[in-house]
Amino acid sequence: MQAILGLLSNHFSKHFHATHSFTQVTGSEDATARMWTAAEAETECIGVFRGHTGYVNAVAIVEYSIYDRRDEDSINVCAVLTGSADATIRKWDATSCECLFVYEGHTARIQK
């Protein structure tokens, strides 16, 4: 854990995090979320989620299955959800760090 905290030192002061298997996601006052590998002794940033205009103070890693009726098979998907002081929640592809959807409608910051 000390290695993770040391690497996070340039990711501003407040950190909110979610952990899944060997991956951790943190949110920051710099309006980004970052995904970290926690499987190795040397932790490294493996993705940056950019798009919020306010600090990110809520993060979650979610897994779900999408059922395809054509071939009666399901695909497991991993996504990252982030909530921000910009009053939006964003859904991100955990592999590409691409924003898949922006949930709007709140009139105040999103809380953890």
PDB file of N, CA and C in Angstrom:
ATOM      1  N   MET A   1       0.824  -1.189   0.000  1.00  0.00           N
ATOM      2  CA  MET A   1       0.000   0.000   0.000  1.00  0.00           C
ATOM      3  C   MET A   1       0.869   1.254   0.000  1.00  0.00           C
ATOM      4  N   GLN A   2       2.008   1.209   0.652  1.00  0.00           N
ATOM      5  CA  GLN A   2       2.897   2.368   0.670  1.00  0.00           C
ATOM      6  C   GLN A   2       3.365   2.714  -0.743  1.00  0.00           C
ATOM      7  N   ALA A   3       3.602   1.679  -1.567  1.00  0.00           N
ATOM      8  CA  ALA A   3       4.029   1.938  -2.947  1.00  0.00           C
ATOM      9  C   ALA A   3       2.939   2.667  -3.707  1.00  0.00           C
ATOM     10  N   ILE A   4       1.686   2.281  -3.497  1.00  0.00           N
ATOM     11  CA  ILE A   4       0.571   2.948  -4.159  1.00  0.00           C
ATOM     12  C   ILE A   4       0.492   4.398  -3.707  1.00  0.00           C
ATOM     13  N   LEU A   5       0.578   4.637  -2.422  1.00  0.00           N
ATOM     14  CA  LEU A   5       0.481   6.000  -1.901  1.00  0.00           C
ATOM     15  C   LEU A   5       1.624   6.860  -2.407  1.00  0.00           C
ATOM     16  N   GLY A   6       2.794   6.284  -2.536  1.00  0.00           N
ATOM     17  CA  GLY A   6       3.920   7.038  -3.060  1.00  0.00           C
ATOM     18  C   GLY A   6       3.696   7.453  -4.503  1.00  0.00           C
ATOM     19  N   LEU A   7       3.155   6.568  -5.315  1.00  0.00           N
ATOM     20  CA  LEU A   7       2.895   6.888  -6.705  1.00  0.00           C
ATOM     21  C   LEU A   7       1.736   7.860  -6.864  1.00  0.00           C
ATOM     22  N   LEU A   8       0.840   7.907  -5.897  1.00  0.00           N
ATOM     23  CA  LEU A   8      -0.306   8.794  -5.981  1.00  0.00           C
ATOM     24  C   LEU A   8       0.028  10.214  -5.560  1.00  0.00           C
ATOM     25  N   SER A   9       1.221  10.446  -5.105  1.00  0.00           N
ATOM     26  CA  SER A   9       1.552  11.758  -4.552  1.00  0.00           C
ATOM     27  C   SER A   9       1.383  12.882  -5.560  1.00  0.00           C
ATOM     28  N   ASN A  10       1.515  12.604  -6.863  1.00  0.00           N
ATOM     29  CA  ASN A  10       1.317  13.657  -7.849  1.00  0.00           C
ATOM     30  C   ASN A  10      -0.134  13.736  -8.305  1.00  0.00           C
ATOM     31  N   HIS A  11      -1.009  12.963  -7.717  1.00  0.00           N
ATOM     32  CA  HIS A  11      -2.423  12.938  -8.095  1.00  0.00           C
ATOM     33  C   HIS A  11      -3.238  13.678  -7.041  1.00  0.00           C
ATOM     34  N   PHE A  12      -2.822  14.862  -6.735  1.00  0.00           N
ATOM     35  CA  PHE A  12      -3.450  15.802  -5.814  1.00  0.00           C
ATOM     36  C   PHE A  12      -3.771  15.179  -4.460  1.00  0.00           C
ATOM     37  N   SER A  13      -4.429  15.945  -3.604  1.00  0.00           N
ATOM     38  CA  SER A  13      -4.491  15.557  -2.199  1.00  0.00           C
ATOM     39  C   SER A  13      -5.623  14.613  -1.824  1.00  0.00           C
ATOM     40  N   LYS A  14      -6.808  14.778  -2.368  1.00  0.00           N
ATOM     41  CA  LYS A  14      -7.913  13.901  -1.969  1.00  0.00           C
ATOM     42  C   LYS A  14      -8.016  12.726  -2.928  1.00  0.00           C
ATOM     43  N   HIS A  15      -8.102  11.531  -2.377  1.00  0.00           N
ATOM     44  CA  HIS A  15      -8.200  10.332  -3.207  1.00  0.00           C
ATOM     45  C   HIS A  15      -9.396   9.515  -2.760  1.00  0.00           C
ATOM     46  N   PHE A  16     -10.211   9.161  -3.700  1.00  0.00           N
ATOM     47  CA  PHE A  16     -11.309   8.236  -3.463  1.00  0.00           C
ATOM     48  C   PHE A  16     -11.000   7.041  -4.340  1.00  0.00           C
ATOM     49  N   HIS A  17     -11.238   5.838  -3.859  1.00  0.00           N
ATOM     50  CA  HIS A  17     -10.805   4.696  -4.642  1.00  0.00           C
ATOM     51  C   HIS A  17     -11.795   3.544  -4.598  1.00  0.00           C
ATOM     52  N   ALA A  18     -11.694   2.713  -5.602  1.00  0.00           N
ATOM     53  CA  ALA A  18     -12.423   1.452  -5.684  1.00  0.00           C
ATOM     54  C   ALA A  18     -11.410   0.403  -6.117  1.00  0.00           C
ATOM     55  N   THR A  19     -11.555  -0.796  -5.623  1.00  0.00           N
ATOM     56  CA  THR A  19     -10.613  -1.857  -5.942  1.00  0.00           C
ATOM     57  C   THR A  19     -11.354  -3.046  -6.525  1.00  0.00           C
ATOM     58  N   HIS A  20     -10.769  -3.632  -7.567  1.00  0.00           N
ATOM     59  CA  HIS A  20     -11.329  -4.813  -8.199  1.00  0.00           C
ATOM     60  C   HIS A  20     -10.167  -5.712  -8.601  1.00  0.00           C
ATOM     61  N   SER A  21     -10.162  -6.946  -8.117  1.00  0.00           N
ATOM     62  CA  SER A  21      -9.079  -7.888  -8.412  1.00  0.00           C
ATOM     63  C   SER A  21      -7.743  -7.209  -8.176  1.00  0.00           C
ATOM     64  N   PHE A  22      -6.983  -7.009  -9.247  1.00  0.00           N
ATOM     65  CA  PHE A  22      -5.670  -6.405  -9.115  1.00  0.00           C
ATOM     66  C   PHE A  22      -5.635  -5.010  -9.720  1.00  0.00           C
ATOM     67  N   THR A  23      -6.777  -4.344  -9.718  1.00  0.00           N
ATOM     68  CA  THR A  23      -6.880  -3.001 -10.281  1.00  0.00           C
ATOM     69  C   THR A  23      -7.510  -2.076  -9.254  1.00  0.00           C
ATOM     70  N   GLN A  24      -7.021  -0.862  -9.185  1.00  0.00           N
ATOM     71  CA  GLN A  24      -7.569   0.146  -8.293  1.00  0.00           C
ATOM     72  C   GLN A  24      -7.824   1.406  -9.106  1.00  0.00           C
ATOM     73  N   VAL A  25      -8.931   2.090  -8.816  1.00  0.00           N
ATOM     74  CA  VAL A  25      -9.239   3.357  -9.473  1.00  0.00           C
ATOM     75  C   VAL A  25      -9.329   4.432  -8.405  1.00  0.00           C
ATOM     76  N   THR A  26      -8.694   5.571  -8.674  1.00  0.00           N
ATOM     77  CA  THR A  26      -8.731   6.704  -7.755  1.00  0.00           C
ATOM     78  C   THR A  26      -9.305   7.915  -8.469  1.00  0.00           C
ATOM     79  N   GLY A  27      -9.963   8.767  -7.696  1.00  0.00           N
ATOM     80  CA  GLY A  27     -10.453  10.038  -8.217  1.00  0.00           C
ATOM     81  C   GLY A  27      -9.700  11.162  -7.543  1.00  0.00           C
ATOM     82  N   SER A  28      -9.664  12.337  -8.180  1.00  0.00           N
ATOM     83  CA  SER A  28      -8.816  13.398  -7.663  1.00  0.00           C
ATOM     84  C   SER A  28      -9.404  14.783  -7.883  1.00  0.00           C
ATOM     85  N   GLU A  29      -8.822  15.747  -7.162  1.00  0.00           N
ATOM     86  CA  GLU A  29      -9.187  17.146  -7.323  1.00  0.00           C
ATOM     87  C   GLU A  29      -8.773  17.703  -8.675  1.00  0.00           C
ATOM     88  N   ASP A  30      -7.936  16.989  -9.417  1.00  0.00           N
ATOM     89  CA  ASP A  30      -7.529  17.463 -10.743  1.00  0.00           C
ATOM     90  C   ASP A  30      -8.540  17.099 -11.834  1.00  0.00           C
ATOM     91  N   ALA A  31      -9.728  16.625 -11.436  1.00  0.00           N
ATOM     92  CA  ALA A  31     -10.841  16.293 -12.342  1.00  0.00           C
ATOM     93  C   ALA A  31     -10.587  15.042 -13.177  1.00  0.00           C
ATOM     94  N   THR A  32      -9.624  14.211 -12.780  1.00  0.00           N
ATOM     95  CA  THR A  32      -9.396  12.945 -13.477  1.00  0.00           C
ATOM     96  C   THR A  32      -9.590  11.787 -12.511  1.00  0.00           C
ATOM     97  N   ALA A  33      -9.749  10.621 -13.093  1.00  0.00           N
ATOM     98  CA  ALA A  33      -9.662   9.366 -12.344  1.00  0.00           C
ATOM     99  C   ALA A  33      -8.536   8.582 -12.995  1.00  0.00           C
ATOM    100  N   ARG A  34      -7.863   7.794 -12.206  1.00  0.00           N
ATOM    101  CA  ARG A  34      -6.748   7.006 -12.736  1.00  0.00           C
ATOM    102  C   ARG A  34      -6.910   5.557 -12.307  1.00  0.00           C
ATOM    103  N   MET A  35      -6.531   4.670 -13.217  1.00  0.00           N
ATOM    104  CA  MET A  35      -6.571   3.242 -12.939  1.00  0.00           C
ATOM    105  C   MET A  35      -5.144   2.766 -12.726  1.00  0.00           C
ATOM    106  N   TRP A  36      -4.979   1.969 -11.664  1.00  0.00           N
ATOM    107  CA  TRP A  36      -3.652   1.514 -11.256  1.00  0.00           C
ATOM    108  C   TRP A  36      -3.626  -0.001 -11.203  1.00  0.00           C
ATOM    109  N   THR A  37      -2.498  -0.571 -11.574  1.00  0.00           N
ATOM    110  CA  THR A  37      -2.308  -1.996 -11.386  1.00  0.00           C
ATOM    111  C   THR A  37      -1.780  -2.213  -9.975  1.00  0.00           C
ATOM    112  N   ALA A  38      -2.379  -3.152  -9.288  1.00  0.00           N
ATOM    113  CA  ALA A  38      -1.958  -3.438  -7.917  1.00  0.00           C
ATOM    114  C   ALA A  38      -1.463  -4.873  -7.794  1.00  0.00           C
ATOM    115  N   ALA A  39      -1.259  -5.533  -8.917  1.00  0.00           N
ATOM    116  CA  ALA A  39      -0.842  -6.930  -8.907  1.00  0.00           C
ATOM    117  C   ALA A  39       0.653  -7.093  -8.674  1.00  0.00           C
ATOM    118  N   GLU A  40       1.403  -6.109  -9.040  1.00  0.00           N
ATOM    119  CA  GLU A  40       2.860  -6.181  -8.943  1.00  0.00           C
ATOM    120  C   GLU A  40       3.353  -5.398  -7.735  1.00  0.00           C
ATOM    121  N   ALA A  41       4.575  -5.646  -7.359  1.00  0.00           N
ATOM    122  CA  ALA A  41       5.179  -4.871  -6.273  1.00  0.00           C
ATOM    123  C   ALA A  41       5.306  -3.407  -6.681  1.00  0.00           C
ATOM    124  N   GLU A  42       5.587  -3.173  -7.968  1.00  0.00           N
ATOM    125  CA  GLU A  42       5.685  -1.817  -8.500  1.00  0.00           C
ATOM    126  C   GLU A  42       4.336  -1.440  -9.110  1.00  0.00           C
ATOM    127  N   THR A  43       3.614  -0.571  -8.456  1.00  0.00           N
ATOM    128  CA  THR A  43       2.315  -0.127  -8.945  1.00  0.00           C
ATOM    129  C   THR A  43       2.515   0.932 -10.015  1.00  0.00           C
ATOM    130  N   GLU A  44       1.700   0.868 -11.084  1.00  0.00           N
ATOM    131  CA  GLU A  44       1.807   1.882 -12.120  1.00  0.00           C
ATOM    132  C   GLU A  44       0.431   2.278 -12.630  1.00  0.00           C
ATOM    133  N   CYS A  45       0.332   3.489 -13.138  1.00  0.00           N
ATOM    134  CA  CYS A  45      -0.906   3.983 -13.728  1.00  0.00           C
ATOM    135  C   CYS A  45      -1.083   3.310 -15.082  1.00  0.00           C
ATOM    136  N   ILE A  46      -2.243   2.692 -15.296  1.00  0.00           N
ATOM    137  CA  ILE A  46      -2.492   2.000 -16.558  1.00  0.00           C
ATOM    138  C   ILE A  46      -3.619   2.654 -17.359  1.00  0.00           C
ATOM    139  N   GLY A  47      -4.161   3.763 -16.855  1.00  0.00           N
ATOM    140  CA  GLY A  47      -5.184   4.467 -17.606  1.00  0.00           C
ATOM    141  C   GLY A  47      -5.622   5.740 -16.893  1.00  0.00           C
ATOM    142  N   VAL A  48      -5.989   6.743 -17.688  1.00  0.00           N
ATOM    143  CA  VAL A  48      -6.467   8.012 -17.143  1.00  0.00           C
ATOM    144  C   VAL A  48      -7.821   8.314 -17.772  1.00  0.00           C
ATOM    145  N   PHE A  49      -8.797   8.634 -16.924  1.00  0.00           N
ATOM    146  CA  PHE A  49     -10.140   8.975 -17.373  1.00  0.00           C
ATOM    147  C   PHE A  49     -10.282  10.488 -17.313  1.00  0.00           C
ATOM    148  N   ARG A  50     -10.398  11.127 -18.473  1.00  0.00           N
ATOM    149  CA  ARG A  50     -10.493  12.586 -18.556  1.00  0.00           C
ATOM    150  C   ARG A  50     -11.838  12.979 -19.149  1.00  0.00           C
ATOM    151  N   GLY A  51     -12.437  14.040 -18.588  1.00  0.00           N
ATOM    152  CA  GLY A  51     -13.694  14.525 -19.135  1.00  0.00           C
ATOM    153  C   GLY A  51     -14.513  15.311 -18.134  1.00  0.00           C
ATOM    154  N   HIS A  52     -14.335  15.041 -16.854  1.00  0.00           N
ATOM    155  CA  HIS A  52     -15.037  15.816 -15.831  1.00  0.00           C
ATOM    156  C   HIS A  52     -14.459  17.228 -15.777  1.00  0.00           C
ATOM    157  N   THR A  53     -15.288  18.174 -15.349  1.00  0.00           N
ATOM    158  CA  THR A  53     -14.820  19.553 -15.197  1.00  0.00           C
ATOM    159  C   THR A  53     -14.706  19.954 -13.729  1.00  0.00           C
ATOM    160  N   GLY A  54     -15.048  19.050 -12.830  1.00  0.00           N
ATOM    161  CA  GLY A  54     -14.898  19.264 -11.393  1.00  0.00           C
ATOM    162  C   GLY A  54     -14.182  18.067 -10.790  1.00  0.00           C
ATOM    163  N   TYR A  55     -13.801  18.175  -9.529  1.00  0.00           N
ATOM    164  CA  TYR A  55     -13.054  17.083  -8.901  1.00  0.00           C
ATOM    165  C   TYR A  55     -13.887  15.804  -8.862  1.00  0.00           C
ATOM    166  N   VAL A  56     -13.203  14.688  -8.927  1.00  0.00           N
ATOM    167  CA  VAL A  56     -13.840  13.367  -8.920  1.00  0.00           C
ATOM    168  C   VAL A  56     -13.781  12.840  -7.498  1.00  0.00           C
ATOM    169  N   ASN A  57     -14.952  12.621  -6.878  1.00  0.00           N
ATOM    170  CA  ASN A  57     -14.950  12.160  -5.495  1.00  0.00           C
ATOM    171  C   ASN A  57     -15.767  10.893  -5.277  1.00  0.00           C
ATOM    172  N   ALA A  58     -16.140  10.220  -6.355  1.00  0.00           N
ATOM    173  CA  ALA A  58     -16.811   8.927  -6.231  1.00  0.00           C
ATOM    174  C   ALA A  58     -16.379   8.060  -7.407  1.00  0.00           C
ATOM    175  N   VAL A  59     -15.930   6.852  -7.117  1.00  0.00           N
ATOM    176  CA  VAL A  59     -15.514   5.922  -8.169  1.00  0.00           C
ATOM    177  C   VAL A  59     -16.014   4.524  -7.830  1.00  0.00           C
ATOM    178  N   ALA A  60     -16.293   3.759  -8.869  1.00  0.00           N
ATOM    179  CA  ALA A  60     -16.696   2.363  -8.697  1.00  0.00           C
ATOM    180  C   ALA A  60     -16.249   1.577  -9.919  1.00  0.00           C
ATOM    181  N   ILE A  61     -15.910   0.332  -9.703  1.00  0.00           N
ATOM    182  CA  ILE A  61     -15.611  -0.593 -10.787  1.00  0.00           C
ATOM    183  C   ILE A  61     -16.758  -1.591 -10.820  1.00  0.00           C
ATOM    184  N   VAL A  62     -17.392  -1.751 -11.976  1.00  0.00           N
ATOM    185  CA  VAL A  62     -18.542  -2.649 -12.088  1.00  0.00           C
ATOM    186  C   VAL A  62     -18.315  -3.655 -13.207  1.00  0.00           C
ATOM    187  N   GLU A  63     -18.774  -4.853 -12.958  1.00  0.00           N
ATOM    188  CA  GLU A  63     -18.752  -5.903 -13.969  1.00  0.00           C
ATOM    189  C   GLU A  63     -20.175  -6.321 -14.242  1.00  0.00           C
ATOM    190  N   TYR A  64     -20.498  -6.532 -15.499  1.00  0.00           N
ATOM    191  CA  TYR A  64     -21.828  -7.002 -15.854  1.00  0.00           C
ATOM    192  C   TYR A  64     -21.735  -7.798 -17.139  1.00  0.00           C
ATOM    193  N   SER A  65     -22.784  -8.549 -17.419  1.00  0.00           N
ATOM    194  CA  SER A  65     -22.844  -9.368 -18.624  1.00  0.00           C
ATOM    195  C   SER A  65     -23.854  -8.790 -19.596  1.00  0.00           C
ATOM    196  N   ILE A  66     -23.500  -8.817 -20.867  1.00  0.00           N
ATOM    197  CA  ILE A  66     -24.410  -8.419 -21.934  1.00  0.00           C
ATOM    198  C   ILE A  66     -24.772  -9.688 -22.699  1.00  0.00           C
ATOM    199  N   TYR A  67     -26.051  -9.949 -22.783  1.00  0.00           N
ATOM    200  CA  TYR A  67     -26.536 -11.148 -23.457  1.00  0.00           C
ATOM    201  C   TYR A  67     -26.794 -10.831 -24.920  1.00  0.00           C
ATOM    202  N   ASP A  68     -26.258 -11.654 -25.811  1.00  0.00           N
ATOM    203  CA  ASP A  68     -26.458 -11.492 -27.248  1.00  0.00           C
ATOM    204  C   ASP A  68     -27.422 -12.572 -27.714  1.00  0.00           C
ATOM    205  N   ARG A  69     -28.618 -12.178 -28.089  1.00  0.00           N
ATOM    206  CA  ARG A  69     -29.646 -13.141 -28.511  1.00  0.00           C
ATOM    207  C   ARG A  69     -29.278 -13.855 -29.800  1.00  0.00           C
ATOM    208  N   ARG A  70     -28.483 -13.215 -30.650  1.00  0.00           N
ATOM    209  CA  ARG A  70     -28.150 -13.826 -31.942  1.00  0.00           C
ATOM    210  C   ARG A  70     -27.401 -15.137 -31.779  1.00  0.00           C
ATOM    211  N   ASP A  71     -26.436 -15.157 -30.900  1.00  0.00           N
ATOM    212  CA  ASP A  71     -25.690 -16.400 -30.720  1.00  0.00           C
ATOM    213  C   ASP A  71     -25.858 -16.976 -29.319  1.00  0.00           C
ATOM    214  N   GLU A  72     -26.826 -16.455 -28.580  1.00  0.00           N
ATOM    215  CA  GLU A  72     -27.160 -16.946 -27.239  1.00  0.00           C
ATOM    216  C   GLU A  72     -25.927 -17.054 -26.350  1.00  0.00           C
ATOM    217  N   ASP A  73     -25.119 -16.046 -26.423  1.00  0.00           N
ATOM    218  CA  ASP A  73     -23.904 -16.010 -25.621  1.00  0.00           C
ATOM    219  C   ASP A  73     -23.899 -14.698 -24.843  1.00  0.00           C
ATOM    220  N   SER A  74     -23.125 -14.656 -23.793  1.00  0.00           N
ATOM    221  CA  SER A  74     -23.014 -13.414 -23.043  1.00  0.00           C
ATOM    222  C   SER A  74     -21.555 -12.969 -23.006  1.00  0.00           C
ATOM    223  N   ILE A  75     -21.382 -11.668 -22.919  1.00  0.00           N
ATOM    224  CA  ILE A  75     -20.059 -11.064 -22.877  1.00  0.00           C
ATOM    225  C   ILE A  75     -19.917 -10.372 -21.528  1.00  0.00           C
ATOM    226  N   ASN A  76     -18.829 -10.639 -20.833  1.00  0.00           N
ATOM    227  CA  ASN A  76     -18.558  -9.948 -19.574  1.00  0.00           C
ATOM    228  C   ASN A  76     -17.878  -8.620 -19.873  1.00  0.00           C
ATOM    229  N   VAL A  77     -18.389  -7.570 -19.254  1.00  0.00           N
ATOM    230  CA  VAL A  77     -17.886  -6.220 -19.487  1.00  0.00           C
ATOM    231  C   VAL A  77     -17.462  -5.623 -18.147  1.00  0.00           C
ATOM    232  N   CYS A  78     -16.371  -4.872 -18.152  1.00  0.00           N
ATOM    233  CA  CYS A  78     -15.918  -4.167 -16.966  1.00  0.00           C
ATOM    234  C   CYS A  78     -15.936  -2.677 -17.279  1.00  0.00           C
ATOM    235  N   ALA A  79     -16.587  -1.915 -16.407  1.00  0.00           N
ATOM    236  CA  ALA A  79     -16.682  -0.467 -16.605  1.00  0.00           C
ATOM    237  C   ALA A  79     -16.288   0.246 -15.319  1.00  0.00           C
ATOM    238  N   VAL A  80     -15.952   1.505 -15.462  1.00  0.00           N
ATOM    239  CA  VAL A  80     -15.647   2.365 -14.327  1.00  0.00           C
ATOM    240  C   VAL A  80     -16.704   3.465 -14.297  1.00  0.00           C
ATOM    241  N   LEU A  81     -17.259   3.722 -13.130  1.00  0.00           N
ATOM    242  CA  LEU A  81     -18.192   4.821 -12.934  1.00  0.00           C
ATOM    243  C   LEU A  81     -17.511   5.873 -12.081  1.00  0.00           C
ATOM    244  N   THR A  82     -17.638   7.147 -12.474  1.00  0.00           N
ATOM    245  CA  THR A  82     -17.062   8.238 -11.699  1.00  0.00           C
ATOM    246  C   THR A  82     -18.130   9.291 -11.441  1.00  0.00           C
ATOM    247  N   GLY A  83     -18.123   9.842 -10.237  1.00  0.00           N
ATOM    248  CA  GLY A  83     -19.012  10.950  -9.880  1.00  0.00           C
ATOM    249  C   GLY A  83     -18.174  12.160  -9.547  1.00  0.00           C
ATOM    250  N   SER A  84     -18.691  13.340  -9.904  1.00  0.00           N
ATOM    251  CA  SER A  84     -17.853  14.533  -9.820  1.00  0.00           C
ATOM    252  C   SER A  84     -18.591  15.726  -9.230  1.00  0.00           C
ATOM    253  N   ALA A  85     -17.803  16.713  -8.849  1.00  0.00           N
ATOM    254  CA  ALA A  85     -18.342  17.993  -8.400  1.00  0.00           C
ATOM    255  C   ALA A  85     -19.008  18.748  -9.547  1.00  0.00           C
ATOM    256  N   ASP A  86     -18.816  18.297 -10.788  1.00  0.00           N
ATOM    257  CA  ASP A  86     -19.493  18.924 -11.923  1.00  0.00           C
ATOM    258  C   ASP A  86     -20.937  18.441 -12.069  1.00  0.00           C
ATOM    259  N   ALA A  87     -21.423  17.660 -11.087  1.00  0.00           N
ATOM    260  CA  ALA A  87     -22.805  17.154 -11.014  1.00  0.00           C
ATOM    261  C   ALA A  87     -23.126  16.107 -12.072  1.00  0.00           C
ATOM    262  N   THR A  88     -22.101  15.441 -12.600  1.00  0.00           N
ATOM    263  CA  THR A  88     -22.342  14.358 -13.552  1.00  0.00           C
ATOM    264  C   THR A  88     -21.723  13.063 -13.051  1.00  0.00           C
ATOM    265  N   ILE A  89     -22.250  11.973 -13.580  1.00  0.00           N
ATOM    266  CA  ILE A  89     -21.676  10.645 -13.403  1.00  0.00           C
ATOM    267  C   ILE A  89     -21.286  10.184 -14.797  1.00  0.00           C
ATOM    268  N   ARG A  90     -20.111   9.621 -14.912  1.00  0.00           N
ATOM    269  CA  ARG A  90     -19.659   9.128 -16.215  1.00  0.00           C
ATOM    270  C   ARG A  90     -19.391   7.633 -16.140  1.00  0.00           C
ATOM    271  N   LYS A  91     -19.745   6.956 -17.210  1.00  0.00           N
ATOM    272  CA  LYS A  91     -19.472   5.523 -17.364  1.00  0.00           C
ATOM    273  C   LYS A  91     -18.360   5.396 -18.397  1.00  0.00           C
ATOM    274  N   TRP A  92     -17.302   4.675 -18.015  1.00  0.00           N
ATOM    275  CA  TRP A  92     -16.101   4.549 -18.842  1.00  0.00           C
ATOM    276  C   TRP A  92     -15.842   3.092 -19.184  1.00  0.00           C
ATOM    277  N   ASP A  93     -15.313   2.854 -20.366  1.00  0.00           N
ATOM    278  CA  ASP A  93     -14.814   1.534 -20.731  1.00  0.00           C
ATOM    279  C   ASP A  93     -13.503   1.336 -19.979  1.00  0.00           C
ATOM    280  N   ALA A  94     -13.403   0.268 -19.206  1.00  0.00           N
ATOM    281  CA  ALA A  94     -12.216   0.046 -18.380  1.00  0.00           C
ATOM    282  C   ALA A  94     -10.991  -0.344 -19.204  1.00  0.00           C
ATOM    283  N   THR A  95     -11.198  -0.786 -20.428  1.00  0.00           N
ATOM    284  CA  THR A  95     -10.070  -1.182 -21.270  1.00  0.00           C
ATOM    285  C   THR A  95      -9.477   0.000 -22.027  1.00  0.00           C
ATOM    286  N   SER A  96     -10.345   0.813 -22.628  1.00  0.00           N
ATOM    287  CA  SER A  96      -9.864   1.914 -23.473  1.00  0.00           C
ATOM    288  C   SER A  96      -9.851   3.265 -22.768  1.00  0.00           C
ATOM    289  N   CYS A  97     -10.490   3.366 -21.591  1.00  0.00           N
ATOM    290  CA  CYS A  97     -10.664   4.621 -20.848  1.00  0.00           C
ATOM    291  C   CYS A  97     -11.554   5.612 -21.598  1.00  0.00           C
ATOM    292  N   GLU A  98     -12.314   5.128 -22.569  1.00  0.00           N
ATOM    293  CA  GLU A  98     -13.231   5.970 -23.337  1.00  0.00           C
ATOM    294  C   GLU A  98     -14.525   6.186 -22.554  1.00  0.00           C
ATOM    295  N   CYS A  99     -15.025   7.416 -22.563  1.00  0.00           N
ATOM    296  CA  CYS A  99     -16.296   7.712 -21.903  1.00  0.00           C
ATOM    297  C   CYS A  99     -17.430   7.137 -22.746  1.00  0.00           C
ATOM    298  N   LEU A 100     -18.238   6.272 -22.134  1.00  0.00           N
ATOM    299  CA  LEU A 100     -19.342   5.631 -22.835  1.00  0.00           C
ATOM    300  C   LEU A 100     -20.653   6.385 -22.681  1.00  0.00           C
ATOM    301  N   PHE A 101     -20.820   7.067 -21.545  1.00  0.00           N
ATOM    302  CA  PHE A 101     -22.083   7.751 -21.287  1.00  0.00           C
ATOM    303  C   PHE A 101     -21.898   8.772 -20.173  1.00  0.00           C
ATOM    304  N   VAL A 102     -22.611   9.887 -20.281  1.00  0.00           N
ATOM    305  CA  VAL A 102     -22.610  10.908 -19.238  1.00  0.00           C
ATOM    306  C   VAL A 102     -24.027  10.994 -18.678  1.00  0.00           C
ATOM    307  N   TYR A 103     -24.158  10.708 -17.386  1.00  0.00           N
ATOM    308  CA  TYR A 103     -25.444  10.809 -16.700  1.00  0.00           C
ATOM    309  C   TYR A 103     -25.579  12.230 -16.162  1.00  0.00           C
ATOM    310  N   GLU A 104     -26.582  12.965 -16.650  1.00  0.00           N
ATOM    311  CA  GLU A 104     -26.789  14.345 -16.235  1.00  0.00           C
ATOM    312  C   GLU A 104     -28.166  14.492 -15.594  1.00  0.00           C
ATOM    313  N   GLY A 105     -28.331  15.518 -14.796  1.00  0.00           N
ATOM    314  CA  GLY A 105     -29.616  15.775 -14.175  1.00  0.00           C
ATOM    315  C   GLY A 105     -29.511  16.217 -12.730  1.00  0.00           C
ATOM    316  N   HIS A 106     -28.409  15.880 -12.082  1.00  0.00           N
ATOM    317  CA  HIS A 106     -28.202  16.357 -10.714  1.00  0.00           C
ATOM    318  C   HIS A 106     -27.912  17.846 -10.748  1.00  0.00           C
ATOM    319  N   THR A 107     -28.266  18.538  -9.693  1.00  0.00           N
ATOM    320  CA  THR A 107     -28.008  19.993  -9.636  1.00  0.00           C
ATOM    321  C   THR A 107     -26.921  20.338  -8.633  1.00  0.00           C
ATOM    322  N   ALA A 108     -26.331  19.337  -8.011  1.00  0.00           N
ATOM    323  CA  ALA A 108     -25.246  19.544  -7.057  1.00  0.00           C
ATOM    324  C   ALA A 108     -24.207  18.450  -7.268  1.00  0.00           C
ATOM    325  N   ARG A 109     -23.061  18.610  -6.632  1.00  0.00           N
ATOM    326  CA  ARG A 109     -21.983  17.646  -6.810  1.00  0.00           C
ATOM    327  C   ARG A 109     -22.423  16.243  -6.412  1.00  0.00           C
ATOM    328  N   ILE A 110     -21.790  15.260  -7.004  1.00  0.00           N
ATOM    329  CA  ILE A 110     -22.055  13.863  -6.693  1.00  0.00           C
ATOM    330  C   ILE A 110     -21.205  13.496  -5.491  1.00  0.00           C
ATOM    331  N   GLN A 111     -21.810  12.892  -4.494  1.00  0.00           N
ATOM    332  CA  GLN A 111     -21.105  12.473  -3.283  1.00  0.00           C
ATOM    333  C   GLN A 111     -20.827  10.985  -3.313  1.00  0.00           C
ATOM    334  N   LYS A 112     -19.834  10.576  -2.588  1.00  0.00           N
ATOM    335  CA  LYS A 112     -19.508   9.157  -2.455  1.00  0.00           C
ATOM    336  C   LYS A 112     -20.567   8.485  -1.634  1.00  0.00           C
TER     337      LYS A 112
END
